[in-house]
Amino acid sequence: MRNRFEFMTNVAISQYIPRDSFIHHRDPRARVILYFLLFIGVVFTPNFFGIGTGLLIASLFYFLAKVPLKPAWLSFRRTAPFLLALALLQIALGKKVDSDVIFTTLFGIIITKRAIISAGMLLGRFFLLIILLNGFAMTISTSQISAALFYLLKPLEVIRFPVNDLTMVVQIAMRFLPMLAQSAEKIVKAQASRGGDWDQSGFNPVRQAKRVLPLIVPLIVNSLKQAETMAIAMESRGFNAAEKRSSFYELVFTWMDGLCVLVAISLCTFLILFV
């Protein structure tokens, strides 16, 4: 049974699962480009056929990566109330034109067929994005993401863009999310042991908001302390003192990685233009 004080399981980032799979063997740069193109294709696909095609593509990548689909479903289930609220707002407040087909009228609100389709597209798009995001987190580690971004953005050094600083900021931000979840667990357990109300029975947004407010201030204070400690440690170790930095592991981009990128470009183009 899942403990109500466990927040680490809610953090998709850093949930890397090492596998001996086709996707894991690809170069990190190819994986970053592949998922980025799929994100673009899903966001801009115009209809349900594109959403269905994207779902089939995501299922294929999960199969090739040998990672479970359950974490993605749990992530969607946790965000489902928020997404349903957005869908209802889309139906109630969506722009209406004279050519719309009126489906029904509920509590004085005109519900059109186009509004229902837009709400369904919103739910399907977010569901597919959550699946892709979880797949991305489970197939590439934070260090691989940092290395991939560093090499992909390295040409920008010609215009004196601080690529090294940017990749380090991204890596620290990704490492900080699990640390924030761990700090939140400690604070919540301390508050509960002193009589704090952390009972999660039922769905009461007002009660949940009142319960979260006492958590925000100590969490921000702890985060600032950790950030200051990390900054002092990095400065004392001479971070970014040299103009050029070496790498312990050299990335190798093979022809199979290039083929995967070409396939991803083709899929992204198909989802946007040909569905």
C-alpha atoms as a PDB file:
ATOM      1  CA  MET A   1       0.000   0.000   0.000  1.00  0.00           C
ATOM      2  CA  ARG A   2       1.342   3.445  -0.948  1.00  0.00           C
ATOM      3  CA  ASN A   3       2.198   5.742   1.957  1.00  0.00           C
ATOM      4  CA  ARG A   4       0.494   9.149   1.779  1.00  0.00           C
ATOM      5  CA  PHE A   5       3.794  10.773   2.800  1.00  0.00           C
ATOM      6  CA  GLU A   6       5.736   9.386  -0.172  1.00  0.00           C
ATOM      7  CA  PHE A   7       6.346  12.204  -2.647  1.00  0.00           C
ATOM      8  CA  MET A   8       9.334  10.727  -4.483  1.00  0.00           C
ATOM      9  CA  THR A   9       7.081   8.456  -6.538  1.00  0.00           C
ATOM     10  CA  ASN A  10       5.299  11.549  -7.922  1.00  0.00           C
ATOM     11  CA  VAL A  11       8.494  12.921  -9.501  1.00  0.00           C
ATOM     12  CA  ALA A  12       8.811  11.668 -13.077  1.00  0.00           C
ATOM     13  CA  ILE A  13      12.311  13.109 -13.534  1.00  0.00           C
ATOM     14  CA  SER A  14      15.156  10.914 -12.234  1.00  0.00           C
ATOM     15  CA  GLN A  15      13.002   7.758 -12.594  1.00  0.00           C
ATOM     16  CA  TYR A  16      15.581   6.314 -15.002  1.00  0.00           C
ATOM     17  CA  ILE A  17      15.307   2.549 -15.520  1.00  0.00           C
ATOM     18  CA  PRO A  18      18.430   0.934 -17.042  1.00  0.00           C
ATOM     19  CA  ARG A  19      17.551  -1.674 -19.632  1.00  0.00           C
ATOM     20  CA  ASP A  20      19.327  -3.669 -22.324  1.00  0.00           C
ATOM     21  CA  SER A  21      17.066  -2.316 -25.052  1.00  0.00           C
ATOM     22  CA  PHE A  22      17.251  -0.764 -28.486  1.00  0.00           C
ATOM     23  CA  ILE A  23      16.274   2.679 -27.178  1.00  0.00           C
ATOM     24  CA  HIS A  24      18.761   2.623 -24.274  1.00  0.00           C
ATOM     25  CA  HIS A  25      21.605   1.747 -26.643  1.00  0.00           C
ATOM     26  CA  ARG A  26      21.049   4.823 -28.751  1.00  0.00           C
ATOM     27  CA  ASP A  27      23.187   7.921 -28.352  1.00  0.00           C
ATOM     28  CA  PRO A  28      21.744  10.379 -25.764  1.00  0.00           C
ATOM     29  CA  ARG A  29      21.691  13.119 -28.398  1.00  0.00           C
ATOM     30  CA  ALA A  30      19.567  10.949 -30.670  1.00  0.00           C
ATOM     31  CA  ARG A  31      17.180  10.170 -27.828  1.00  0.00           C
ATOM     32  CA  VAL A  32      16.776  13.842 -26.908  1.00  0.00           C
ATOM     33  CA  ILE A  33      16.111  14.816 -30.542  1.00  0.00           C
ATOM     34  CA  LEU A  34      13.740  11.875 -30.996  1.00  0.00           C
ATOM     35  CA  TYR A  35      11.565  12.709 -28.000  1.00  0.00           C
ATOM     36  CA  PHE A  36      11.652  16.434 -28.759  1.00  0.00           C
ATOM     37  CA  LEU A  37      10.334  15.808 -32.270  1.00  0.00           C
ATOM     38  CA  LEU A  38       7.624  13.513 -30.940  1.00  0.00           C
ATOM     39  CA  PHE A  39       6.591  16.206 -28.432  1.00  0.00           C
ATOM     40  CA  ILE A  40       6.329  18.721 -31.286  1.00  0.00           C
ATOM     41  CA  GLY A  41       4.303  16.303 -33.408  1.00  0.00           C
ATOM     42  CA  VAL A  42       1.843  15.547 -30.600  1.00  0.00           C
ATOM     43  CA  VAL A  43       1.373  19.215 -29.671  1.00  0.00           C
ATOM     44  CA  PHE A  44       0.594  20.325 -33.233  1.00  0.00           C
ATOM     45  CA  THR A  45      -1.293  17.310 -34.573  1.00  0.00           C
ATOM     46  CA  PRO A  46      -4.714  18.578 -35.705  1.00  0.00           C
ATOM     47  CA  ASN A  47      -7.146  15.693 -35.091  1.00  0.00           C
ATOM     48  CA  PHE A  48      -7.910  12.457 -33.261  1.00  0.00           C
ATOM     49  CA  PHE A  49      -6.261  10.362 -35.954  1.00  0.00           C
ATOM     50  CA  GLY A  50      -2.973  12.075 -35.122  1.00  0.00           C
ATOM     51  CA  ILE A  51      -3.517  11.413 -31.401  1.00  0.00           C
ATOM     52  CA  GLY A  52      -4.229   7.743 -32.110  1.00  0.00           C
ATOM     53  CA  THR A  53      -1.185   7.472 -34.362  1.00  0.00           C
ATOM     54  CA  GLY A  54       0.953   9.128 -31.682  1.00  0.00           C
ATOM     55  CA  LEU A  55      -0.366   6.651 -29.110  1.00  0.00           C
ATOM     56  CA  LEU A  56       0.654   3.742 -31.345  1.00  0.00           C
ATOM     57  CA  ILE A  57       4.102   5.287 -31.825  1.00  0.00           C
ATOM     58  CA  ALA A  58       4.506   5.822 -28.058  1.00  0.00           C
ATOM     59  CA  SER A  59       3.437   2.217 -27.401  1.00  0.00           C
ATOM     60  CA  LEU A  60       6.046   1.021 -29.905  1.00  0.00           C
ATOM     61  CA  PHE A  61       8.765   3.023 -28.156  1.00  0.00           C
ATOM     62  CA  TYR A  62       7.732   1.617 -24.782  1.00  0.00           C
ATOM     63  CA  PHE A  63       7.980  -1.865 -26.280  1.00  0.00           C
ATOM     64  CA  LEU A  64      11.423  -1.172 -27.779  1.00  0.00           C
ATOM     65  CA  ALA A  65      12.630   0.406 -24.514  1.00  0.00           C
ATOM     66  CA  LYS A  66      11.281  -2.482 -22.362  1.00  0.00           C
ATOM     67  CA  VAL A  67       9.896  -0.083 -19.750  1.00  0.00           C
ATOM     68  CA  PRO A  68       6.550  -0.414 -17.938  1.00  0.00           C
ATOM     69  CA  LEU A  69       3.515   1.644 -18.895  1.00  0.00           C
ATOM     70  CA  LYS A  70       2.082   1.702 -15.365  1.00  0.00           C
ATOM     71  CA  PRO A  71       4.039   4.806 -14.148  1.00  0.00           C
ATOM     72  CA  ALA A  72       2.634   6.803 -17.068  1.00  0.00           C
ATOM     73  CA  TRP A  73      -0.909   5.725 -16.224  1.00  0.00           C
ATOM     74  CA  LEU A  74      -0.396   6.642 -12.543  1.00  0.00           C
ATOM     75  CA  SER A  75       0.922  10.075 -13.553  1.00  0.00           C
ATOM     76  CA  PHE A  76      -2.116  10.651 -15.755  1.00  0.00           C
ATOM     77  CA  ARG A  77      -4.477   9.501 -13.004  1.00  0.00           C
ATOM     78  CA  ARG A  78      -2.948  11.995 -10.561  1.00  0.00           C
ATOM     79  CA  THR A  79      -3.418  14.855 -13.029  1.00  0.00           C
ATOM     80  CA  ALA A  80      -6.838  13.673 -14.283  1.00  0.00           C
ATOM     81  CA  PRO A  81      -8.930  16.016 -12.027  1.00  0.00           C
ATOM     82  CA  PHE A  82      -7.009  19.063 -13.242  1.00  0.00           C
ATOM     83  CA  LEU A  83      -7.267  17.950 -16.884  1.00  0.00           C
ATOM     84  CA  LEU A  84     -10.988  17.273 -16.545  1.00  0.00           C
ATOM     85  CA  ALA A  85     -11.466  20.758 -15.097  1.00  0.00           C
ATOM     86  CA  LEU A  86      -9.636  22.226 -18.108  1.00  0.00           C
ATOM     87  CA  ALA A  87     -11.792  20.151 -20.454  1.00  0.00           C
ATOM     88  CA  LEU A  88     -14.995  21.388 -18.794  1.00  0.00           C
ATOM     89  CA  LEU A  89     -13.786  24.987 -19.054  1.00  0.00           C
ATOM     90  CA  GLN A  90     -13.022  24.366 -22.708  1.00  0.00           C
ATOM     91  CA  ILE A  91     -16.596  23.168 -23.245  1.00  0.00           C
ATOM     92  CA  ALA A  92     -18.239  25.946 -21.226  1.00  0.00           C
ATOM     93  CA  LEU A  93     -16.084  28.927 -22.231  1.00  0.00           C
ATOM     94  CA  GLY A  94     -14.974  27.932 -25.721  1.00  0.00           C
ATOM     95  CA  LYS A  95     -15.608  30.386 -28.530  1.00  0.00           C
ATOM     96  CA  LYS A  96     -18.831  29.688 -30.406  1.00  0.00           C
ATOM     97  CA  VAL A  97     -19.727  30.621 -33.960  1.00  0.00           C
ATOM     98  CA  ASP A  98     -23.001  30.504 -35.892  1.00  0.00           C
ATOM     99  CA  SER A  99     -21.974  27.411 -37.863  1.00  0.00           C
ATOM    100  CA  ASP A 100     -21.465  25.304 -34.719  1.00  0.00           C
ATOM    101  CA  VAL A 101     -23.694  22.271 -34.251  1.00  0.00           C
ATOM    102  CA  ILE A 102     -25.438  22.555 -30.881  1.00  0.00           C
ATOM    103  CA  PHE A 103     -25.204  19.264 -29.019  1.00  0.00           C
ATOM    104  CA  THR A 104     -27.251  20.176 -25.942  1.00  0.00           C
ATOM    105  CA  THR A 105     -27.878  22.919 -23.394  1.00  0.00           C
ATOM    106  CA  LEU A 106     -26.987  22.335 -19.745  1.00  0.00           C
ATOM    107  CA  PHE A 107     -27.660  24.908 -16.974  1.00  0.00           C
ATOM    108  CA  GLY A 108     -27.938  27.631 -19.581  1.00  0.00           C
ATOM    109  CA  ILE A 109     -24.593  26.725 -21.165  1.00  0.00           C
ATOM    110  CA  ILE A 110     -24.683  25.877 -24.857  1.00  0.00           C
ATOM    111  CA  ILE A 111     -22.565  22.798 -25.520  1.00  0.00           C
ATOM    112  CA  THR A 112     -21.494  22.444 -29.128  1.00  0.00           C
ATOM    113  CA  LYS A 113     -20.030  19.517 -30.981  1.00  0.00           C
ATOM    114  CA  ARG A 114     -16.880  21.487 -31.730  1.00  0.00           C
ATOM    115  CA  ALA A 115     -16.370  22.258 -28.030  1.00  0.00           C
ATOM    116  CA  ILE A 116     -16.668  18.565 -27.130  1.00  0.00           C
ATOM    117  CA  ILE A 117     -14.142  17.652 -29.832  1.00  0.00           C
ATOM    118  CA  SER A 118     -11.751  20.358 -28.566  1.00  0.00           C
ATOM    119  CA  ALA A 119     -12.058  19.055 -24.997  1.00  0.00           C
ATOM    120  CA  GLY A 120     -11.431  15.499 -26.181  1.00  0.00           C
ATOM    121  CA  MET A 121      -8.381  16.638 -28.125  1.00  0.00           C
ATOM    122  CA  LEU A 122      -7.070  18.411 -25.026  1.00  0.00           C
ATOM    123  CA  LEU A 123      -7.427  15.272 -22.887  1.00  0.00           C
ATOM    124  CA  GLY A 124      -5.916  13.035 -25.554  1.00  0.00           C
ATOM    125  CA  ARG A 125      -3.018  15.411 -26.178  1.00  0.00           C
ATOM    126  CA  PHE A 126      -2.155  15.717 -22.484  1.00  0.00           C
ATOM    127  CA  PHE A 127      -2.468  11.953 -21.990  1.00  0.00           C
ATOM    128  CA  LEU A 128      -0.040  11.315 -24.838  1.00  0.00           C
ATOM    129  CA  LEU A 129       2.377  14.003 -23.608  1.00  0.00           C
ATOM    130  CA  ILE A 130       2.408  12.423 -20.143  1.00  0.00           C
ATOM    131  CA  ILE A 131       3.154   9.022 -21.695  1.00  0.00           C
ATOM    132  CA  LEU A 132       6.033  10.471 -23.725  1.00  0.00           C
ATOM    133  CA  LEU A 133       7.402  12.423 -20.763  1.00  0.00           C
ATOM    134  CA  ASN A 134       7.456   9.323 -18.560  1.00  0.00           C
ATOM    135  CA  GLY A 135       9.044   7.316 -21.357  1.00  0.00           C
ATOM    136  CA  PHE A 136      11.687  10.006 -21.754  1.00  0.00           C
ATOM    137  CA  ALA A 137      12.414  10.005 -18.003  1.00  0.00           C
ATOM    138  CA  MET A 138      12.687   6.215 -17.856  1.00  0.00           C
ATOM    139  CA  THR A 139      15.011   5.853 -20.860  1.00  0.00           C
ATOM    140  CA  ILE A 140      17.569   8.615 -20.295  1.00  0.00           C
ATOM    141  CA  SER A 141      19.365   9.669 -17.113  1.00  0.00           C
ATOM    142  CA  THR A 142      19.969  13.239 -15.964  1.00  0.00           C
ATOM    143  CA  SER A 143      23.692  12.997 -16.694  1.00  0.00           C
ATOM    144  CA  GLN A 144      22.947  11.772 -20.228  1.00  0.00           C
ATOM    145  CA  ILE A 145      20.525  14.671 -20.759  1.00  0.00           C
ATOM    146  CA  SER A 146      23.186  17.144 -19.656  1.00  0.00           C
ATOM    147  CA  ALA A 147      25.822  15.596 -21.926  1.00  0.00           C
ATOM    148  CA  ALA A 148      23.415  15.529 -24.877  1.00  0.00           C
ATOM    149  CA  LEU A 149      22.412  19.171 -24.408  1.00  0.00           C
ATOM    150  CA  PHE A 150      26.057  20.206 -24.081  1.00  0.00           C
ATOM    151  CA  TYR A 151      27.029  18.620 -27.410  1.00  0.00           C
ATOM    152  CA  LEU A 152      23.854  19.680 -29.212  1.00  0.00           C
ATOM    153  CA  LEU A 153      24.268  23.314 -28.139  1.00  0.00           C
ATOM    154  CA  LYS A 154      28.052  23.392 -28.518  1.00  0.00           C
ATOM    155  CA  PRO A 155      27.910  25.161 -31.940  1.00  0.00           C
ATOM    156  CA  LEU A 156      26.388  28.162 -30.131  1.00  0.00           C
ATOM    157  CA  GLU A 157      29.749  28.755 -28.451  1.00  0.00           C
ATOM    158  CA  VAL A 158      30.775  30.473 -31.685  1.00  0.00           C
ATOM    159  CA  ILE A 159      28.524  33.396 -30.698  1.00  0.00           C
ATOM    160  CA  ARG A 160      29.806  33.191 -27.078  1.00  0.00           C
ATOM    161  CA  PHE A 161      26.647  31.562 -25.756  1.00  0.00           C
ATOM    162  CA  PRO A 162      27.314  30.098 -22.251  1.00  0.00           C
ATOM    163  CA  VAL A 163      26.510  26.489 -23.175  1.00  0.00           C
ATOM    164  CA  ASN A 164      28.391  25.017 -20.230  1.00  0.00           C
ATOM    165  CA  ASP A 165      26.547  27.216 -17.735  1.00  0.00           C
ATOM    166  CA  LEU A 166      23.169  26.434 -19.310  1.00  0.00           C
ATOM    167  CA  THR A 167      23.682  22.668 -19.226  1.00  0.00           C
ATOM    168  CA  MET A 168      24.835  22.864 -15.617  1.00  0.00           C
ATOM    169  CA  VAL A 169      21.701  24.854 -14.693  1.00  0.00           C
ATOM    170  CA  VAL A 170      19.527  22.199 -16.381  1.00  0.00           C
ATOM    171  CA  GLN A 171      21.339  19.388 -14.589  1.00  0.00           C
ATOM    172  CA  ILE A 172      21.066  21.095 -11.188  1.00  0.00           C
ATOM    173  CA  ALA A 173      17.369  21.806 -11.751  1.00  0.00           C
ATOM    174  CA  MET A 174      16.703  18.147 -12.573  1.00  0.00           C
ATOM    175  CA  ARG A 175      18.684  17.010  -9.541  1.00  0.00           C
ATOM    176  CA  PHE A 176      16.856  19.487  -7.308  1.00  0.00           C
ATOM    177  CA  LEU A 177      13.375  18.090  -8.013  1.00  0.00           C
ATOM    178  CA  PRO A 178      14.003  14.772  -6.191  1.00  0.00           C
ATOM    179  CA  MET A 179      15.698  16.728  -3.389  1.00  0.00           C
ATOM    180  CA  LEU A 180      12.614  18.945  -3.074  1.00  0.00           C
ATOM    181  CA  ALA A 181      10.398  15.866  -2.912  1.00  0.00           C
ATOM    182  CA  GLN A 182      12.625  14.386  -0.199  1.00  0.00           C
ATOM    183  CA  SER A 183      12.562  17.632   1.790  1.00  0.00           C
ATOM    184  CA  ALA A 184       8.773  17.774   1.433  1.00  0.00           C
ATOM    185  CA  GLU A 185       8.515  14.240   2.811  1.00  0.00           C
ATOM    186  CA  LYS A 186      10.574  15.169   5.875  1.00  0.00           C
ATOM    187  CA  ILE A 187       8.581  18.353   6.521  1.00  0.00           C
ATOM    188  CA  VAL A 188       5.229  16.600   6.116  1.00  0.00           C
ATOM    189  CA  LYS A 189       6.229  13.776   8.435  1.00  0.00           C
ATOM    190  CA  ALA A 190       7.440  16.307  11.025  1.00  0.00           C
ATOM    191  CA  GLN A 191       4.169  18.243  10.795  1.00  0.00           C
ATOM    192  CA  ALA A 192       2.076  15.076  10.994  1.00  0.00           C
ATOM    193  CA  SER A 193       3.967  13.887  14.069  1.00  0.00           C
ATOM    194  CA  ARG A 194       3.071  17.213  15.732  1.00  0.00           C
ATOM    195  CA  GLY A 195      -0.636  16.878  14.971  1.00  0.00           C
ATOM    196  CA  GLY A 196      -0.816  18.307  11.449  1.00  0.00           C
ATOM    197  CA  ASP A 197      -3.832  17.351   9.350  1.00  0.00           C
ATOM    198  CA  TRP A 198      -2.588  15.217   6.449  1.00  0.00           C
ATOM    199  CA  ASP A 199      -5.542  12.897   6.057  1.00  0.00           C
ATOM    200  CA  GLN A 200      -6.208  12.373   2.329  1.00  0.00           C
ATOM    201  CA  SER A 201      -9.684  10.856   2.594  1.00  0.00           C
ATOM    202  CA  GLY A 202     -12.144  12.317   0.088  1.00  0.00           C
ATOM    203  CA  PHE A 203     -11.675  15.163  -2.378  1.00  0.00           C
ATOM    204  CA  ASN A 204     -11.793  18.610  -0.795  1.00  0.00           C
ATOM    205  CA  PRO A 205      -9.770  21.265  -2.688  1.00  0.00           C
ATOM    206  CA  VAL A 206     -10.101  23.871   0.098  1.00  0.00           C
ATOM    207  CA  ARG A 207      -8.874  21.427   2.714  1.00  0.00           C
ATOM    208  CA  GLN A 208      -5.990  20.342   0.488  1.00  0.00           C
ATOM    209  CA  ALA A 209      -4.970  23.976  -0.101  1.00  0.00           C
ATOM    210  CA  LYS A 210      -4.987  24.721   3.644  1.00  0.00           C
ATOM    211  CA  ARG A 211      -2.920  21.606   4.209  1.00  0.00           C
ATOM    212  CA  VAL A 212      -0.290  22.554   1.617  1.00  0.00           C
ATOM    213  CA  LEU A 213       0.165  26.208   2.667  1.00  0.00           C
ATOM    214  CA  PRO A 214       2.190  25.423   5.855  1.00  0.00           C
ATOM    215  CA  LEU A 215       4.476  23.288   3.671  1.00  0.00           C
ATOM    216  CA  ILE A 216       5.452  26.044   1.250  1.00  0.00           C
ATOM    217  CA  VAL A 217       7.489  28.340   3.519  1.00  0.00           C
ATOM    218  CA  PRO A 218       9.810  25.723   5.093  1.00  0.00           C
ATOM    219  CA  LEU A 219      10.236  24.070   1.695  1.00  0.00           C
ATOM    220  CA  ILE A 220      11.344  27.349   0.088  1.00  0.00           C
ATOM    221  CA  VAL A 221      13.702  28.111   2.998  1.00  0.00           C
ATOM    222  CA  ASN A 222      15.304  24.654   2.790  1.00  0.00           C
ATOM    223  CA  SER A 223      15.640  24.987  -0.982  1.00  0.00           C
ATOM    224  CA  LEU A 224      17.423  28.341  -0.667  1.00  0.00           C
ATOM    225  CA  LYS A 225      19.791  26.891   1.928  1.00  0.00           C
ATOM    226  CA  GLN A 226      20.604  23.919  -0.296  1.00  0.00           C
ATOM    227  CA  ALA A 227      21.128  26.182  -3.317  1.00  0.00           C
ATOM    228  CA  GLU A 228      23.495  28.430  -1.343  1.00  0.00           C
ATOM    229  CA  THR A 229      25.459  25.441  -0.067  1.00  0.00           C
ATOM    230  CA  MET A 230      25.774  24.047  -3.596  1.00  0.00           C
ATOM    231  CA  ALA A 231      26.873  27.408  -5.004  1.00  0.00           C
ATOM    232  CA  ILE A 232      29.603  27.751  -2.364  1.00  0.00           C
ATOM    233  CA  ALA A 233      30.782  24.180  -2.981  1.00  0.00           C
ATOM    234  CA  MET A 234      30.938  24.711  -6.757  1.00  0.00           C
ATOM    235  CA  GLU A 235      32.785  28.002  -6.384  1.00  0.00           C
ATOM    236  CA  SER A 236      35.316  26.514  -3.950  1.00  0.00           C
ATOM    237  CA  ARG A 237      36.041  23.731  -6.462  1.00  0.00           C
ATOM    238  CA  GLY A 238      36.701  26.196  -9.272  1.00  0.00           C
ATOM    239  CA  PHE A 239      33.663  25.467 -11.423  1.00  0.00           C
ATOM    240  CA  ASN A 240      34.000  26.898 -14.931  1.00  0.00           C
ATOM    241  CA  ALA A 241      37.514  28.130 -14.150  1.00  0.00           C
ATOM    242  CA  ALA A 242      38.847  26.633 -17.393  1.00  0.00           C
ATOM    243  CA  GLU A 243      37.682  27.709 -20.827  1.00  0.00           C
ATOM    244  CA  LYS A 244      37.513  24.140 -22.145  1.00  0.00           C
ATOM    245  CA  ARG A 245      36.294  21.131 -20.198  1.00  0.00           C
ATOM    246  CA  SER A 246      37.049  17.503 -20.922  1.00  0.00           C
ATOM    247  CA  SER A 247      34.628  14.606 -20.669  1.00  0.00           C
ATOM    248  CA  PHE A 248      35.185  11.215 -19.076  1.00  0.00           C
ATOM    249  CA  TYR A 249      32.793   9.538 -21.540  1.00  0.00           C
ATOM    250  CA  GLU A 250      32.845  10.487 -25.212  1.00  0.00           C
ATOM    251  CA  LEU A 251      29.527  10.172 -27.034  1.00  0.00           C
ATOM    252  CA  VAL A 252      29.517   8.221 -30.311  1.00  0.00           C
ATOM    253  CA  PHE A 253      26.829   9.004 -32.880  1.00  0.00           C
ATOM    254  CA  THR A 254      26.347   5.954 -35.151  1.00  0.00           C
ATOM    255  CA  TRP A 255      24.445   5.448 -38.390  1.00  0.00           C
ATOM    256  CA  MET A 256      21.636   3.780 -36.440  1.00  0.00           C
ATOM    257  CA  ASP A 257      21.254   6.934 -34.339  1.00  0.00           C
ATOM    258  CA  GLY A 258      21.057   9.005 -37.509  1.00  0.00           C
ATOM    259  CA  LEU A 259      18.412   6.649 -38.885  1.00  0.00           C
ATOM    260  CA  CYS A 260      16.357   7.028 -35.693  1.00  0.00           C
ATOM    261  CA  VAL A 261      16.526  10.816 -36.025  1.00  0.00           C
ATOM    262  CA  LEU A 262      15.366  10.611 -39.653  1.00  0.00           C
ATOM    263  CA  VAL A 263      12.472   8.359 -38.615  1.00  0.00           C
ATOM    264  CA  ALA A 264      11.551  10.831 -35.853  1.00  0.00           C
ATOM    265  CA  ILE A 265      11.580  13.723 -38.342  1.00  0.00           C
ATOM    266  CA  SER A 266       9.333  11.730 -40.670  1.00  0.00           C
ATOM    267  CA  LEU A 267       6.908  10.846 -37.859  1.00  0.00           C
ATOM    268  CA  CYS A 268       6.759  14.458 -36.663  1.00  0.00           C
ATOM    269  CA  THR A 269       6.055  15.693 -40.194  1.00  0.00           C
ATOM    270  CA  PHE A 270       3.379  13.027 -40.669  1.00  0.00           C
ATOM    271  CA  LEU A 271       1.623  13.890 -37.401  1.00  0.00           C
ATOM    272  CA  ILE A 272       1.509  17.600 -38.249  1.00  0.00           C
ATOM    273  CA  LEU A 273       0.894  17.668 -42.005  1.00  0.00           C
ATOM    274  CA  PHE A 274      -0.522  14.366 -43.214  1.00  0.00           C
ATOM    275  CA  VAL A 275      -3.183  13.313 -40.699  1.00  0.00           C
END
